[in-house]
Amino acid sequence: MVKLALYVRLEAKPGKEQEVADFLRSGLPLVEEEPATVAWFGIQMGPSTFGIFDAFPDEAGREAHLSGKVAAALMAKAPDLLAEPPKIQKVDVLAAKLDEKLERSPV
């Protein structure tokens, strides 16, 4: 059951929008190695505004993700790609529907 999540807002530096999009796409295989990350989305909300939304069954899963490969890569690339540090918010999931029959996004 999904109980906790992270919402991370990312603002790309001018001219770095494609690199941020590519970075998010490249994160999917790394997140697939995390058994407690039950949902992960790399999203674009505007021309230079991106985000990550991911969900977990418990705090241990969320903390494992925060200390995982994608988080480390994001922090390493943030000064070059982002106009400001990532805004990481810990959130509680009040309701969720996950369809295990759906496969990963082909994007």
N, C-alpha and C. Protein backbone atom coordinates (compact mmCIF):
# COMPACT_ATOMS: atom_id res chain seq x y z
N MET A 1 0.83 -1.18 0.00
CA MET A 1 0.00 0.00 0.00
C MET A 1 0.89 1.25 0.00
N VAL A 2 0.55 2.21 -0.83
CA VAL A 2 1.29 3.46 -0.94
C VAL A 2 0.82 4.41 0.15
N LYS A 3 1.75 4.88 0.95
CA LYS A 3 1.40 5.78 2.05
C LYS A 3 2.14 7.11 1.98
N LEU A 4 3.34 7.10 1.42
CA LEU A 4 4.18 8.29 1.42
C LEU A 4 4.68 8.58 0.02
N ALA A 5 5.07 9.84 -0.21
CA ALA A 5 5.57 10.22 -1.52
C ALA A 5 6.57 11.36 -1.39
N LEU A 6 7.18 11.66 -2.52
CA LEU A 6 8.04 12.83 -2.65
C LEU A 6 7.57 13.61 -3.87
N TYR A 7 7.56 14.92 -3.75
CA TYR A 7 7.34 15.79 -4.90
C TYR A 7 8.55 16.70 -4.98
N VAL A 8 9.24 16.66 -6.10
CA VAL A 8 10.46 17.44 -6.29
C VAL A 8 10.25 18.36 -7.47
N ARG A 9 10.34 19.65 -7.23
CA ARG A 9 10.18 20.65 -8.30
C ARG A 9 11.57 21.07 -8.78
N LEU A 10 11.73 21.09 -10.10
CA LEU A 10 13.01 21.41 -10.73
C LEU A 10 12.81 22.54 -11.73
N GLU A 11 13.62 23.57 -11.64
CA GLU A 11 13.56 24.69 -12.59
C GLU A 11 14.87 24.70 -13.37
N ALA A 12 14.77 24.43 -14.66
CA ALA A 12 15.96 24.35 -15.52
C ALA A 12 16.55 25.73 -15.76
N LYS A 13 17.87 25.76 -15.86
CA LYS A 13 18.54 26.98 -16.29
C LYS A 13 18.18 27.23 -17.75
N PRO A 14 18.18 28.50 -18.17
CA PRO A 14 17.92 28.79 -19.58
C PRO A 14 18.88 28.01 -20.48
N GLY A 15 18.32 27.35 -21.48
CA GLY A 15 19.12 26.56 -22.40
C GLY A 15 19.40 25.14 -21.94
N LYS A 16 19.01 24.78 -20.72
CA LYS A 16 19.27 23.45 -20.17
C LYS A 16 18.01 22.58 -20.10
N GLU A 17 16.92 23.06 -20.69
CA GLU A 17 15.65 22.35 -20.58
C GLU A 17 15.73 20.92 -21.15
N GLN A 18 16.32 20.77 -22.31
CA GLN A 18 16.42 19.43 -22.91
C GLN A 18 17.29 18.50 -22.07
N GLU A 19 18.35 19.05 -21.49
CA GLU A 19 19.22 18.23 -20.64
C GLU A 19 18.49 17.76 -19.38
N VAL A 20 17.64 18.61 -18.82
CA VAL A 20 16.85 18.20 -17.65
C VAL A 20 15.87 17.10 -18.06
N ALA A 21 15.20 17.27 -19.19
CA ALA A 21 14.27 16.24 -19.67
C ALA A 21 15.01 14.92 -19.91
N ASP A 22 16.17 14.99 -20.52
CA ASP A 22 16.96 13.78 -20.77
C ASP A 22 17.41 13.14 -19.46
N PHE A 23 17.78 13.96 -18.48
CA PHE A 23 18.18 13.43 -17.18
C PHE A 23 17.02 12.66 -16.55
N LEU A 24 15.82 13.23 -16.60
CA LEU A 24 14.67 12.54 -16.00
C LEU A 24 14.41 11.22 -16.71
N ARG A 25 14.49 11.21 -18.03
CA ARG A 25 14.29 9.95 -18.76
C ARG A 25 15.35 8.92 -18.37
N SER A 26 16.57 9.36 -18.18
CA SER A 26 17.65 8.42 -17.84
C SER A 26 17.54 7.87 -16.43
N GLY A 27 16.73 8.51 -15.59
CA GLY A 27 16.58 8.04 -14.21
C GLY A 27 15.71 6.81 -14.06
N LEU A 28 14.85 6.55 -15.04
CA LEU A 28 13.91 5.43 -14.91
C LEU A 28 14.59 4.08 -14.66
N PRO A 29 15.61 3.70 -15.43
CA PRO A 29 16.24 2.40 -15.16
C PRO A 29 16.84 2.30 -13.75
N LEU A 30 17.33 3.41 -13.23
CA LEU A 30 17.89 3.39 -11.87
C LEU A 30 16.80 3.18 -10.83
N VAL A 31 15.67 3.83 -11.02
CA VAL A 31 14.57 3.71 -10.07
C VAL A 31 13.95 2.32 -10.13
N GLU A 32 13.98 1.70 -11.31
CA GLU A 32 13.43 0.35 -11.42
C GLU A 32 14.19 -0.65 -10.54
N GLU A 33 15.39 -0.31 -10.12
CA GLU A 33 16.17 -1.17 -9.23
C GLU A 33 15.78 -1.00 -7.76
N GLU A 34 14.91 -0.07 -7.45
CA GLU A 34 14.51 0.22 -6.08
C GLU A 34 13.17 -0.46 -5.78
N PRO A 35 13.18 -1.56 -5.06
CA PRO A 35 11.93 -2.30 -4.83
C PRO A 35 10.88 -1.52 -4.05
N ALA A 36 11.27 -0.58 -3.21
CA ALA A 36 10.30 0.16 -2.41
C ALA A 36 9.77 1.41 -3.10
N THR A 37 10.28 1.72 -4.28
CA THR A 37 9.73 2.83 -5.06
C THR A 37 8.66 2.22 -5.96
N VAL A 38 7.41 2.34 -5.52
CA VAL A 38 6.32 1.66 -6.23
C VAL A 38 5.75 2.49 -7.38
N ALA A 39 6.03 3.78 -7.40
CA ALA A 39 5.62 4.64 -8.51
C ALA A 39 6.65 5.75 -8.64
N TRP A 40 7.00 6.08 -9.87
CA TRP A 40 7.96 7.16 -10.12
C TRP A 40 7.61 7.83 -11.44
N PHE A 41 7.53 9.14 -11.40
CA PHE A 41 7.19 9.91 -12.59
C PHE A 41 8.16 11.06 -12.74
N GLY A 42 8.77 11.19 -13.91
CA GLY A 42 9.50 12.39 -14.29
C GLY A 42 8.54 13.20 -15.13
N ILE A 43 8.28 14.46 -14.74
CA ILE A 43 7.23 15.24 -15.39
C ILE A 43 7.75 16.60 -15.84
N GLN A 44 7.05 17.18 -16.82
CA GLN A 44 7.33 18.54 -17.26
C GLN A 44 6.04 19.32 -17.14
N MET A 45 6.11 20.46 -16.42
CA MET A 45 4.92 21.25 -16.15
C MET A 45 4.90 22.56 -16.93
N GLY A 46 5.97 22.89 -17.58
CA GLY A 46 6.07 24.12 -18.36
C GLY A 46 7.36 24.09 -19.15
N PRO A 47 7.68 25.14 -19.88
CA PRO A 47 8.87 25.13 -20.72
C PRO A 47 10.17 24.85 -19.96
N SER A 48 10.28 25.36 -18.74
CA SER A 48 11.51 25.15 -17.96
C SER A 48 11.25 24.54 -16.59
N THR A 49 10.01 24.17 -16.33
CA THR A 49 9.64 23.62 -15.02
C THR A 49 9.38 22.12 -15.13
N PHE A 50 10.11 21.37 -14.33
CA PHE A 50 10.04 19.92 -14.34
C PHE A 50 9.78 19.43 -12.92
N GLY A 51 9.59 18.14 -12.78
CA GLY A 51 9.41 17.59 -11.45
C GLY A 51 9.55 16.09 -11.42
N ILE A 52 9.60 15.59 -10.22
CA ILE A 52 9.62 14.15 -9.96
C ILE A 52 8.55 13.90 -8.90
N PHE A 53 7.73 12.89 -9.14
CA PHE A 53 6.77 12.44 -8.14
C PHE A 53 6.97 10.95 -7.98
N ASP A 54 7.21 10.51 -6.76
CA ASP A 54 7.38 9.09 -6.52
C ASP A 54 6.70 8.70 -5.22
N ALA A 55 6.35 7.42 -5.12
CA ALA A 55 5.56 6.95 -3.98
C ALA A 55 6.16 5.69 -3.38
N PHE A 56 5.88 5.52 -2.08
CA PHE A 56 6.51 4.46 -1.28
C PHE A 56 5.53 3.88 -0.27
N PRO A 57 5.74 2.63 0.15
CA PRO A 57 4.86 2.05 1.15
C PRO A 57 5.17 2.52 2.58
N ASP A 58 6.40 3.00 2.81
CA ASP A 58 6.78 3.37 4.17
C ASP A 58 7.97 4.34 4.15
N GLU A 59 8.31 4.83 5.33
CA GLU A 59 9.40 5.80 5.45
C GLU A 59 10.75 5.19 5.07
N ALA A 60 10.95 3.93 5.36
CA ALA A 60 12.22 3.29 5.00
C ALA A 60 12.42 3.31 3.48
N GLY A 61 11.36 3.05 2.73
CA GLY A 61 11.45 3.09 1.27
C GLY A 61 11.74 4.49 0.76
N ARG A 62 11.09 5.46 1.36
CA ARG A 62 11.32 6.85 0.94
C ARG A 62 12.74 7.28 1.25
N GLU A 63 13.24 6.93 2.41
CA GLU A 63 14.61 7.30 2.77
C GLU A 63 15.64 6.56 1.91
N ALA A 64 15.34 5.31 1.56
CA ALA A 64 16.24 4.56 0.68
C ALA A 64 16.33 5.25 -0.69
N HIS A 65 15.21 5.75 -1.17
CA HIS A 65 15.20 6.45 -2.45
C HIS A 65 16.00 7.76 -2.34
N LEU A 66 15.82 8.48 -1.26
CA LEU A 66 16.53 9.75 -1.08
C LEU A 66 18.04 9.56 -0.99
N SER A 67 18.47 8.38 -0.62
CA SER A 67 19.91 8.12 -0.57
C SER A 67 20.36 7.22 -1.72
N GLY A 68 19.51 7.07 -2.73
CA GLY A 68 19.79 6.20 -3.86
C GLY A 68 20.52 6.88 -5.00
N LYS A 69 20.63 6.15 -6.11
CA LYS A 69 21.42 6.59 -7.26
C LYS A 69 20.82 7.80 -7.97
N VAL A 70 19.50 7.86 -8.13
CA VAL A 70 18.89 8.98 -8.82
C VAL A 70 19.07 10.27 -8.02
N ALA A 71 18.85 10.20 -6.72
CA ALA A 71 19.03 11.38 -5.88
C ALA A 71 20.47 11.87 -5.92
N ALA A 72 21.41 10.95 -5.87
CA ALA A 72 22.83 11.33 -5.93
C ALA A 72 23.16 11.98 -7.27
N ALA A 73 22.65 11.42 -8.35
CA ALA A 73 22.90 11.99 -9.68
C ALA A 73 22.26 13.37 -9.80
N LEU A 74 21.06 13.53 -9.26
CA LEU A 74 20.39 14.83 -9.32
C LEU A 74 21.20 15.88 -8.58
N MET A 75 21.65 15.58 -7.39
CA MET A 75 22.41 16.55 -6.62
C MET A 75 23.75 16.88 -7.30
N ALA A 76 24.34 15.90 -7.96
CA ALA A 76 25.60 16.14 -8.66
C ALA A 76 25.40 17.05 -9.87
N LYS A 77 24.29 16.89 -10.58
CA LYS A 77 24.03 17.65 -11.80
C LYS A 77 23.29 18.96 -11.54
N ALA A 78 22.69 19.11 -10.39
CA ALA A 78 21.86 20.28 -10.10
C ALA A 78 22.57 21.61 -10.36
N PRO A 79 23.81 21.82 -9.92
CA PRO A 79 24.43 23.13 -10.16
C PRO A 79 24.57 23.48 -11.64
N ASP A 80 24.76 22.49 -12.49
CA ASP A 80 24.91 22.74 -13.91
C ASP A 80 23.58 22.89 -14.63
N LEU A 81 22.56 22.13 -14.21
CA LEU A 81 21.30 22.08 -14.94
C LEU A 81 20.20 22.98 -14.40
N LEU A 82 20.22 23.24 -13.10
CA LEU A 82 19.07 23.89 -12.47
C LEU A 82 19.34 25.33 -12.07
N ALA A 83 18.32 26.17 -12.20
CA ALA A 83 18.41 27.58 -11.84
C ALA A 83 18.42 27.78 -10.34
N GLU A 84 17.93 26.80 -9.61
CA GLU A 84 17.88 26.84 -8.14
C GLU A 84 17.93 25.42 -7.63
N PRO A 85 18.26 25.22 -6.36
CA PRO A 85 18.30 23.86 -5.83
C PRO A 85 16.94 23.17 -5.96
N PRO A 86 16.92 21.84 -6.11
CA PRO A 86 15.64 21.12 -6.16
C PRO A 86 14.83 21.37 -4.90
N LYS A 87 13.53 21.54 -5.07
CA LYS A 87 12.64 21.73 -3.92
C LYS A 87 11.99 20.39 -3.62
N ILE A 88 12.47 19.74 -2.58
CA ILE A 88 12.01 18.40 -2.22
C ILE A 88 10.97 18.50 -1.11
N GLN A 89 9.78 17.99 -1.38
CA GLN A 89 8.71 17.98 -0.38
C GLN A 89 8.33 16.55 -0.06
N LYS A 90 8.31 16.22 1.21
CA LYS A 90 7.78 14.94 1.65
C LYS A 90 6.28 15.10 1.82
N VAL A 91 5.52 14.20 1.21
CA VAL A 91 4.06 14.29 1.27
C VAL A 91 3.46 12.96 1.69
N ASP A 92 2.25 13.04 2.24
CA ASP A 92 1.49 11.85 2.60
C ASP A 92 0.49 11.56 1.48
N VAL A 93 0.33 10.31 1.13
CA VAL A 93 -0.64 9.90 0.11
C VAL A 93 -1.95 9.57 0.82
N LEU A 94 -3.00 10.26 0.45
CA LEU A 94 -4.30 10.05 1.07
C LEU A 94 -5.11 8.98 0.35
N ALA A 95 -4.91 8.86 -0.96
CA ALA A 95 -5.60 7.85 -1.75
C ALA A 95 -4.76 7.58 -2.98
N ALA A 96 -4.79 6.34 -3.47
CA ALA A 96 -3.98 5.99 -4.64
C ALA A 96 -4.62 4.83 -5.39
N LYS A 97 -4.39 4.82 -6.70
CA LYS A 97 -4.76 3.68 -7.53
C LYS A 97 -3.54 3.37 -8.38
N LEU A 98 -3.04 2.19 -8.27
CA LEU A 98 -1.91 1.73 -9.07
C LEU A 98 -2.36 0.47 -9.80
N ASP A 99 -2.16 0.44 -11.10
CA ASP A 99 -2.51 -0.73 -11.90
C ASP A 99 -1.23 -1.46 -12.23
N GLU A 100 -1.02 -2.60 -11.60
CA GLU A 100 0.20 -3.36 -11.80
C GLU A 100 0.30 -3.94 -13.20
N LYS A 101 -0.79 -3.96 -13.95
CA LYS A 101 -0.75 -4.52 -15.31
C LYS A 101 -0.13 -3.56 -16.31
N LEU A 102 -0.09 -2.28 -15.97
CA LEU A 102 0.50 -1.31 -16.88
C LEU A 102 2.01 -1.44 -16.86
N GLU A 103 2.61 -1.25 -18.00
CA GLU A 103 4.06 -1.35 -18.09
C GLU A 103 4.67 0.04 -18.09
N ARG A 104 6.00 0.08 -18.02
CA ARG A 104 6.69 1.35 -17.97
C ARG A 104 6.44 2.18 -19.22
N SER A 105 6.50 3.48 -19.05
CA SER A 105 6.25 4.41 -20.14
C SER A 105 7.29 4.25 -21.23
N PRO A 106 6.88 4.26 -22.50
CA PRO A 106 7.83 4.12 -23.60
C PRO A 106 8.51 5.42 -23.95
N VAL A 107 8.23 6.51 -23.27
CA VAL A 107 8.78 7.83 -23.60
C VAL A 107 10.29 7.82 -23.47
